[in-house]
Amino acid sequence: MSANNDVFNQLPRYVRVRSDAKAAFVEFDFAIGYPELYVELVLPQTAFAVFCEQYKVQHMDERMCAALDADAQRWRYGESASAQ
């Protein structure tokens, strides 16, 4: 295993669940290293649990989600979006 793989494997993994907790499928954002750079994924509940365990994910808390949402608003609408 190269040093680059070691560094990559040590980066934190983040998930942000977007779907209802009782849904058959879990819709979620998955990020490696940088929570603001994510992909949207969908897995059945059981597969999602395995995914989270395998990748040792950190579930984003409300504060982190709010910060990401605010940043997305600034990108979409400019700096004045926070004043609206």
PDB file of N, CA and C in Angstrom:
ATOM      1  N   MET A   1       0.846  -1.175   0.000  1.00  0.00           N
ATOM      2  CA  MET A   1       0.000   0.000   0.000  1.00  0.00           C
ATOM      3  C   MET A   1       0.891   1.237   0.000  1.00  0.00           C
ATOM      4  N   SER A   2       0.597   2.170  -0.869  1.00  0.00           N
ATOM      5  CA  SER A   2       1.420   3.366  -0.974  1.00  0.00           C
ATOM      6  C   SER A   2       1.062   4.374   0.113  1.00  0.00           C
ATOM      7  N   ALA A   3       1.939   5.350   0.290  1.00  0.00           N
ATOM      8  CA  ALA A   3       1.695   6.406   1.279  1.00  0.00           C
ATOM      9  C   ALA A   3       0.447   7.200   0.921  1.00  0.00           C
ATOM     10  N   ASN A   4       0.192   7.392  -0.391  1.00  0.00           N
ATOM     11  CA  ASN A   4      -1.010   8.121  -0.811  1.00  0.00           C
ATOM     12  C   ASN A   4      -2.273   7.383  -0.386  1.00  0.00           C
ATOM     13  N   ASN A   5      -2.281   6.057  -0.511  1.00  0.00           N
ATOM     14  CA  ASN A   5      -3.441   5.274  -0.073  1.00  0.00           C
ATOM     15  C   ASN A   5      -3.633   5.382   1.427  1.00  0.00           C
ATOM     16  N   ASP A   6      -2.533   5.389   2.182  1.00  0.00           N
ATOM     17  CA  ASP A   6      -2.636   5.528   3.632  1.00  0.00           C
ATOM     18  C   ASP A   6      -3.299   6.846   4.006  1.00  0.00           C
ATOM     19  N   VAL A   7      -2.884   7.924   3.356  1.00  0.00           N
ATOM     20  CA  VAL A   7      -3.457   9.247   3.628  1.00  0.00           C
ATOM     21  C   VAL A   7      -4.936   9.255   3.246  1.00  0.00           C
ATOM     22  N   PHE A   8      -5.257   8.732   2.074  1.00  0.00           N
ATOM     23  CA  PHE A   8      -6.645   8.701   1.616  1.00  0.00           C
ATOM     24  C   PHE A   8      -7.520   7.902   2.579  1.00  0.00           C
ATOM     25  N   ASN A   9      -7.036   6.752   3.003  1.00  0.00           N
ATOM     26  CA  ASN A   9      -7.819   5.894   3.894  1.00  0.00           C
ATOM     27  C   ASN A   9      -8.029   6.505   5.270  1.00  0.00           C
ATOM     28  N   GLN A  10      -7.221   7.484   5.634  1.00  0.00           N
ATOM     29  CA  GLN A  10      -7.369   8.149   6.932  1.00  0.00           C
ATOM     30  C   GLN A  10      -8.302   9.353   6.879  1.00  0.00           C
ATOM     31  N   LEU A  11      -8.711   9.772   5.678  1.00  0.00           N
ATOM     32  CA  LEU A  11      -9.629  10.908   5.568  1.00  0.00           C
ATOM     33  C   LEU A  11     -10.986  10.532   6.163  1.00  0.00           C
ATOM     34  N   PRO A  12     -11.622  11.476   6.855  1.00  0.00           N
ATOM     35  CA  PRO A  12     -12.941  11.177   7.423  1.00  0.00           C
ATOM     36  C   PRO A  12     -13.986  11.010   6.333  1.00  0.00           C
ATOM     37  N   ARG A  13     -14.953  10.160   6.593  1.00  0.00           N
ATOM     38  CA  ARG A  13     -16.082   9.946   5.691  1.00  0.00           C
ATOM     39  C   ARG A  13     -17.333  10.467   6.386  1.00  0.00           C
ATOM     40  N   TYR A  14     -18.141  11.186   5.632  1.00  0.00           N
ATOM     41  CA  TYR A  14     -19.334  11.820   6.188  1.00  0.00           C
ATOM     42  C   TYR A  14     -20.583  11.345   5.456  1.00  0.00           C
ATOM     43  N   VAL A  15     -21.676  11.212   6.182  1.00  0.00           N
ATOM     44  CA  VAL A  15     -22.979  10.991   5.562  1.00  0.00           C
ATOM     45  C   VAL A  15     -23.980  11.978   6.136  1.00  0.00           C
ATOM     46  N   ARG A  16     -24.891  12.363   5.268  1.00  0.00           N
ATOM     47  CA  ARG A  16     -26.015  13.212   5.653  1.00  0.00           C
ATOM     48  C   ARG A  16     -27.265  12.552   5.095  1.00  0.00           C
ATOM     49  N   VAL A  17     -28.089  12.025   5.964  1.00  0.00           N
ATOM     50  CA  VAL A  17     -29.301  11.333   5.534  1.00  0.00           C
ATOM     51  C   VAL A  17     -30.345  12.366   5.134  1.00  0.00           C
ATOM     52  N   ARG A  18     -30.931  12.157   3.957  1.00  0.00           N
ATOM     53  CA  ARG A  18     -31.931  13.082   3.423  1.00  0.00           C
ATOM     54  C   ARG A  18     -33.347  12.513   3.492  1.00  0.00           C
ATOM     55  N   SER A  19     -33.476  11.214   3.658  1.00  0.00           N
ATOM     56  CA  SER A  19     -34.791  10.578   3.624  1.00  0.00           C
ATOM     57  C   SER A  19     -35.351  10.386   5.029  1.00  0.00           C
ATOM     58  N   ASP A  20     -36.621  10.034   5.080  1.00  0.00           N
ATOM     59  CA  ASP A  20     -37.296   9.734   6.336  1.00  0.00           C
ATOM     60  C   ASP A  20     -36.699   8.464   6.938  1.00  0.00           C
ATOM     61  N   ALA A  21     -36.603   8.422   8.234  1.00  0.00           N
ATOM     62  CA  ALA A  21     -35.994   7.279   8.920  1.00  0.00           C
ATOM     63  C   ALA A  21     -36.752   5.973   8.665  1.00  0.00           C
ATOM     64  N   LYS A  22     -38.038   6.051   8.354  1.00  0.00           N
ATOM     65  CA  LYS A  22     -38.845   4.846   8.135  1.00  0.00           C
ATOM     66  C   LYS A  22     -38.918   4.429   6.669  1.00  0.00           C
ATOM     67  N   ALA A  23     -38.257   5.155   5.789  1.00  0.00           N
ATOM     68  CA  ALA A  23     -38.301   4.843   4.361  1.00  0.00           C
ATOM     69  C   ALA A  23     -37.585   3.521   4.081  1.00  0.00           C
ATOM     70  N   ALA A  24     -38.042   2.820   3.051  1.00  0.00           N
ATOM     71  CA  ALA A  24     -37.414   1.546   2.671  1.00  0.00           C
ATOM     72  C   ALA A  24     -35.999   1.764   2.158  1.00  0.00           C
ATOM     73  N   PHE A  25     -35.789   2.895   1.494  1.00  0.00           N
ATOM     74  CA  PHE A  25     -34.472   3.238   0.961  1.00  0.00           C
ATOM     75  C   PHE A  25     -33.952   4.491   1.652  1.00  0.00           C
ATOM     76  N   VAL A  26     -32.666   4.510   1.912  1.00  0.00           N
ATOM     77  CA  VAL A  26     -32.026   5.664   2.545  1.00  0.00           C
ATOM     78  C   VAL A  26     -31.402   6.516   1.450  1.00  0.00           C
ATOM     79  N   GLU A  27     -31.856   7.754   1.345  1.00  0.00           N
ATOM     80  CA  GLU A  27     -31.248   8.732   0.440  1.00  0.00           C
ATOM     81  C   GLU A  27     -30.261   9.531   1.272  1.00  0.00           C
ATOM     82  N   PHE A  28     -29.002   9.607   0.813  1.00  0.00           N
ATOM     83  CA  PHE A  28     -28.004  10.275   1.623  1.00  0.00           C
ATOM     84  C   PHE A  28     -26.894  10.882   0.774  1.00  0.00           C
ATOM     85  N   ASP A  29     -26.207  11.846   1.367  1.00  0.00           N
ATOM     86  CA  ASP A  29     -25.014  12.440   0.770  1.00  0.00           C
ATOM     87  C   ASP A  29     -23.819  11.747   1.403  1.00  0.00           C
ATOM     88  N   PHE A  30     -22.804  11.455   0.592  1.00  0.00           N
ATOM     89  CA  PHE A  30     -21.597  10.802   1.077  1.00  0.00           C
ATOM     90  C   PHE A  30     -20.402  11.628   0.636  1.00  0.00           C
ATOM     91  N   ALA A  31     -19.529  11.950   1.590  1.00  0.00           N
ATOM     92  CA  ALA A  31     -18.343  12.757   1.301  1.00  0.00           C
ATOM     93  C   ALA A  31     -17.116  12.121   1.941  1.00  0.00           C
ATOM     94  N   ILE A  32     -15.989  12.299   1.291  1.00  0.00           N
ATOM     95  CA  ILE A  32     -14.712  11.833   1.826  1.00  0.00           C
ATOM     96  C   ILE A  32     -13.804  13.039   1.982  1.00  0.00           C
ATOM     97  N   GLY A  33     -13.431  13.323   3.213  1.00  0.00           N
ATOM     98  CA  GLY A  33     -12.486  14.400   3.493  1.00  0.00           C
ATOM     99  C   GLY A  33     -13.097  15.777   3.597  1.00  0.00           C
ATOM    100  N   TYR A  34     -13.965  16.134   2.681  1.00  0.00           N
ATOM    101  CA  TYR A  34     -14.554  17.473   2.619  1.00  0.00           C
ATOM    102  C   TYR A  34     -16.073  17.341   2.539  1.00  0.00           C
ATOM    103  N   PRO A  35     -16.788  17.637   3.611  1.00  0.00           N
ATOM    104  CA  PRO A  35     -18.235  17.416   3.613  1.00  0.00           C
ATOM    105  C   PRO A  35     -18.993  18.205   2.553  1.00  0.00           C
ATOM    106  N   GLU A  36     -18.417  19.300   2.080  1.00  0.00           N
ATOM    107  CA  GLU A  36     -19.111  20.102   1.067  1.00  0.00           C
ATOM    108  C   GLU A  36     -18.998  19.521  -0.337  1.00  0.00           C
ATOM    109  N   LEU A  37     -18.144  18.514  -0.525  1.00  0.00           N
ATOM    110  CA  LEU A  37     -18.001  17.833  -1.815  1.00  0.00           C
ATOM    111  C   LEU A  37     -18.534  16.418  -1.659  1.00  0.00           C
ATOM    112  N   TYR A  38     -19.750  16.199  -2.112  1.00  0.00           N
ATOM    113  CA  TYR A  38     -20.408  14.926  -1.849  1.00  0.00           C
ATOM    114  C   TYR A  38     -21.096  14.382  -3.091  1.00  0.00           C
ATOM    115  N   VAL A  39     -21.434  13.113  -3.010  1.00  0.00           N
ATOM    116  CA  VAL A  39     -22.271  12.470  -4.020  1.00  0.00           C
ATOM    117  C   VAL A  39     -23.564  12.054  -3.338  1.00  0.00           C
ATOM    118  N   GLU A  40     -24.633  12.021  -4.114  1.00  0.00           N
ATOM    119  CA  GLU A  40     -25.925  11.593  -3.588  1.00  0.00           C
ATOM    120  C   GLU A  40     -26.087  10.115  -3.896  1.00  0.00           C
ATOM    121  N   LEU A  41     -26.426   9.333  -2.877  1.00  0.00           N
ATOM    122  CA  LEU A  41     -26.569   7.891  -3.026  1.00  0.00           C
ATOM    123  C   LEU A  41     -27.891   7.422  -2.429  1.00  0.00           C
ATOM    124  N   VAL A  42     -28.316   6.235  -2.850  1.00  0.00           N
ATOM    125  CA  VAL A  42     -29.529   5.603  -2.324  1.00  0.00           C
ATOM    126  C   VAL A  42     -29.220   4.128  -2.097  1.00  0.00           C
ATOM    127  N   LEU A  43     -29.536   3.638  -0.910  1.00  0.00           N
ATOM    128  CA  LEU A  43     -29.340   2.229  -0.564  1.00  0.00           C
ATOM    129  C   LEU A  43     -30.516   1.743   0.276  1.00  0.00           C
ATOM    130  N   PRO A  44     -30.804   0.441   0.209  1.00  0.00           N
ATOM    131  CA  PRO A  44     -31.784  -0.111   1.151  1.00  0.00           C
ATOM    132  C   PRO A  44     -31.256   0.055   2.573  1.00  0.00           C
ATOM    133  N   GLN A  45     -32.161   0.070   3.548  1.00  0.00           N
ATOM    134  CA  GLN A  45     -31.785   0.306   4.953  1.00  0.00           C
ATOM    135  C   GLN A  45     -30.637  -0.601   5.407  1.00  0.00           C
ATOM    136  N   THR A  46     -30.737  -1.894   5.145  1.00  0.00           N
ATOM    137  CA  THR A  46     -29.717  -2.846   5.599  1.00  0.00           C
ATOM    138  C   THR A  46     -28.370  -2.567   4.948  1.00  0.00           C
ATOM    139  N   ALA A  47     -28.373  -2.308   3.661  1.00  0.00           N
ATOM    140  CA  ALA A  47     -27.129  -2.011   2.946  1.00  0.00           C
ATOM    141  C   ALA A  47     -26.511  -0.704   3.446  1.00  0.00           C
ATOM    142  N   PHE A  48     -27.356   0.270   3.787  1.00  0.00           N
ATOM    143  CA  PHE A  48     -26.854   1.533   4.317  1.00  0.00           C
ATOM    144  C   PHE A  48     -26.129   1.309   5.641  1.00  0.00           C
ATOM    145  N   ALA A  49     -26.700   0.475   6.499  1.00  0.00           N
ATOM    146  CA  ALA A  49     -26.054   0.174   7.788  1.00  0.00           C
ATOM    147  C   ALA A  49     -24.688  -0.480   7.571  1.00  0.00           C
ATOM    148  N   VAL A  50     -24.603  -1.396   6.627  1.00  0.00           N
ATOM    149  CA  VAL A  50     -23.325  -2.055   6.312  1.00  0.00           C
ATOM    150  C   VAL A  50     -22.338  -1.034   5.739  1.00  0.00           C
ATOM    151  N   PHE A  51     -22.811  -0.182   4.850  1.00  0.00           N
ATOM    152  CA  PHE A  51     -21.991   0.860   4.236  1.00  0.00           C
ATOM    153  C   PHE A  51     -21.376   1.752   5.312  1.00  0.00           C
ATOM    154  N   CYS A  52     -22.213   2.200   6.243  1.00  0.00           N
ATOM    155  CA  CYS A  52     -21.734   3.087   7.308  1.00  0.00           C
ATOM    156  C   CYS A  52     -20.695   2.398   8.182  1.00  0.00           C
ATOM    157  N   GLU A  53     -20.915   1.150   8.483  1.00  0.00           N
ATOM    158  CA  GLU A  53     -19.958   0.402   9.308  1.00  0.00           C
ATOM    159  C   GLU A  53     -18.650   0.166   8.554  1.00  0.00           C
ATOM    160  N   GLN A  54     -18.763  -0.230   7.304  1.00  0.00           N
ATOM    161  CA  GLN A  54     -17.574  -0.537   6.503  1.00  0.00           C
ATOM    162  C   GLN A  54     -16.685   0.687   6.318  1.00  0.00           C
ATOM    163  N   TYR A  55     -17.298   1.841   6.057  1.00  0.00           N
ATOM    164  CA  TYR A  55     -16.522   3.053   5.789  1.00  0.00           C
ATOM    165  C   TYR A  55     -16.319   3.918   7.025  1.00  0.00           C
ATOM    166  N   LYS A  56     -16.810   3.458   8.176  1.00  0.00           N
ATOM    167  CA  LYS A  56     -16.625   4.165   9.450  1.00  0.00           C
ATOM    168  C   LYS A  56     -17.018   5.645   9.302  1.00  0.00           C
ATOM    169  N   VAL A  57     -18.240   5.853   8.846  1.00  0.00           N
ATOM    170  CA  VAL A  57     -18.706   7.204   8.549  1.00  0.00           C
ATOM    171  C   VAL A  57     -19.036   7.983   9.811  1.00  0.00           C
ATOM    172  N   GLN A  58     -18.990   9.288   9.665  1.00  0.00           N
ATOM    173  CA  GLN A  58     -19.455  10.215  10.692  1.00  0.00           C
ATOM    174  C   GLN A  58     -20.762  10.810  10.175  1.00  0.00           C
ATOM    175  N   HIS A  59     -21.815  10.707  10.976  1.00  0.00           N
ATOM    176  CA  HIS A  59     -23.079  11.323  10.583  1.00  0.00           C
ATOM    177  C   HIS A  59     -22.985  12.813  10.883  1.00  0.00           C
ATOM    178  N   MET A  60     -23.337  13.622   9.883  1.00  0.00           N
ATOM    179  CA  MET A  60     -23.282  15.075  10.066  1.00  0.00           C
ATOM    180  C   MET A  60     -24.325  15.497  11.090  1.00  0.00           C
ATOM    181  N   ASP A  61     -23.925  16.390  11.986  1.00  0.00           N
ATOM    182  CA  ASP A  61     -24.872  16.898  12.973  1.00  0.00           C
ATOM    183  C   ASP A  61     -25.597  18.122  12.394  1.00  0.00           C
ATOM    184  N   GLU A  62     -26.554  18.630  13.160  1.00  0.00           N
ATOM    185  CA  GLU A  62     -27.366  19.761  12.684  1.00  0.00           C
ATOM    186  C   GLU A  62     -26.523  20.997  12.383  1.00  0.00           C
ATOM    187  N   ARG A  63     -25.528  21.251  13.222  1.00  0.00           N
ATOM    188  CA  ARG A  63     -24.676  22.423  13.028  1.00  0.00           C
ATOM    189  C   ARG A  63     -23.901  22.318  11.713  1.00  0.00           C
ATOM    190  N   MET A  64     -23.352  21.146  11.439  1.00  0.00           N
ATOM    191  CA  MET A  64     -22.603  20.943  10.205  1.00  0.00           C
ATOM    192  C   MET A  64     -23.526  21.059   8.991  1.00  0.00           C
ATOM    193  N   CYS A  65     -24.713  20.494   9.076  1.00  0.00           N
ATOM    194  CA  CYS A  65     -25.674  20.572   7.977  1.00  0.00           C
ATOM    195  C   CYS A  65     -26.089  22.017   7.713  1.00  0.00           C
ATOM    196  N   ALA A  66     -26.332  22.771   8.780  1.00  0.00           N
ATOM    197  CA  ALA A  66     -26.720  24.181   8.621  1.00  0.00           C
ATOM    198  C   ALA A  66     -25.610  24.984   7.958  1.00  0.00           C
ATOM    199  N   ALA A  67     -24.363  24.717   8.335  1.00  0.00           N
ATOM    200  CA  ALA A  67     -23.230  25.423   7.727  1.00  0.00           C
ATOM    201  C   ALA A  67     -23.116  25.083   6.248  1.00  0.00           C
ATOM    202  N   LEU A  68     -23.308  23.821   5.895  1.00  0.00           N
ATOM    203  CA  LEU A  68     -23.252  23.418   4.484  1.00  0.00           C
ATOM    204  C   LEU A  68     -24.388  24.035   3.684  1.00  0.00           C
ATOM    205  N   ASP A  69     -25.594  24.075   4.277  1.00  0.00           N
ATOM    206  CA  ASP A  69     -26.742  24.687   3.601  1.00  0.00           C
ATOM    207  C   ASP A  69     -26.513  26.181   3.377  1.00  0.00           C
ATOM    208  N   ALA A  70     -25.954  26.862   4.367  1.00  0.00           N
ATOM    209  CA  ALA A  70     -25.671  28.294   4.231  1.00  0.00           C
ATOM    210  C   ALA A  70     -24.637  28.533   3.141  1.00  0.00           C
ATOM    211  N   ASP A  71     -23.624  27.693   3.092  1.00  0.00           N
ATOM    212  CA  ASP A  71     -22.593  27.822   2.056  1.00  0.00           C
ATOM    213  C   ASP A  71     -23.194  27.590   0.670  1.00  0.00           C
ATOM    214  N   ALA A  72     -24.086  26.607   0.548  1.00  0.00           N
ATOM    215  CA  ALA A  72     -24.743  26.335  -0.733  1.00  0.00           C
ATOM    216  C   ALA A  72     -25.593  27.530  -1.161  1.00  0.00           C
ATOM    217  N   GLN A  73     -26.267  28.170  -0.204  1.00  0.00           N
ATOM    218  CA  GLN A  73     -27.069  29.362  -0.516  1.00  0.00           C
ATOM    219  C   GLN A  73     -26.192  30.492  -1.055  1.00  0.00           C
ATOM    220  N   ARG A  74     -25.042  30.685  -0.435  1.00  0.00           N
ATOM    221  CA  ARG A  74     -24.123  31.733  -0.908  1.00  0.00           C
ATOM    222  C   ARG A  74     -23.649  31.448  -2.326  1.00  0.00           C
ATOM    223  N   TRP A  75     -23.373  30.187  -2.623  1.00  0.00           N
ATOM    224  CA  TRP A  75     -22.937  29.826  -3.972  1.00  0.00           C
ATOM    225  C   TRP A  75     -24.061  30.053  -4.980  1.00  0.00           C
ATOM    226  N   ARG A  76     -25.283  29.717  -4.607  1.00  0.00           N
ATOM    227  CA  ARG A  76     -26.410  29.850  -5.538  1.00  0.00           C
ATOM    228  C   ARG A  76     -26.833  31.287  -5.733  1.00  0.00           C
ATOM    229  N   TYR A  77     -26.865  32.062  -4.637  1.00  0.00           N
ATOM    230  CA  TYR A  77     -27.499  33.372  -4.704  1.00  0.00           C
ATOM    231  C   TYR A  77     -26.577  34.528  -4.375  1.00  0.00           C
ATOM    232  N   GLY A  78     -25.332  34.278  -4.069  1.00  0.00           N
ATOM    233  CA  GLY A  78     -24.399  35.341  -3.743  1.00  0.00           C
ATOM    234  C   GLY A  78     -24.360  35.622  -2.247  1.00  0.00           C
ATOM    235  N   GLU A  79     -23.460  36.475  -1.848  1.00  0.00           N
ATOM    236  CA  GLU A  79     -23.250  36.789  -0.428  1.00  0.00           C
ATOM    237  C   GLU A  79     -24.482  37.381   0.228  1.00  0.00           C
ATOM    238  N   SER A  80     -25.322  38.084  -0.523  1.00  0.00           N
ATOM    239  CA  SER A  80     -26.481  38.738   0.070  1.00  0.00           C
ATOM    240  C   SER A  80     -27.578  37.741   0.445  1.00  0.00           C
ATOM    241  N   ALA A  81     -27.423  36.464   0.070  1.00  0.00           N
ATOM    242  CA  ALA A  81     -28.457  35.466   0.389  1.00  0.00           C
ATOM    243  C   ALA A  81     -28.678  35.340   1.886  1.00  0.00           C
ATOM    244  N   SER A  82     -27.629  35.535   2.678  1.00  0.00           N
ATOM    245  CA  SER A  82     -27.776  35.403   4.135  1.00  0.00           C
ATOM    246  C   SER A  82     -28.576  36.556   4.726  1.00  0.00           C
ATOM    247  N   ALA A  83     -28.706  37.661   3.997  1.00  0.00           N
ATOM    248  CA  ALA A  83     -29.444  38.818   4.489  1.00  0.00           C
ATOM    249  C   ALA A  83     -30.938  38.705   4.177  1.00  0.00           C
ATOM    250  N   GLN A  84     -31.328  37.726   3.383  1.00  0.00           N
ATOM    251  CA  GLN A  84     -32.743  37.614   3.005  1.00  0.00           C
ATOM    252  C   GLN A  84     -33.573  37.008   4.082  1.00  0.00           C
TER     253      GLN A  84
END
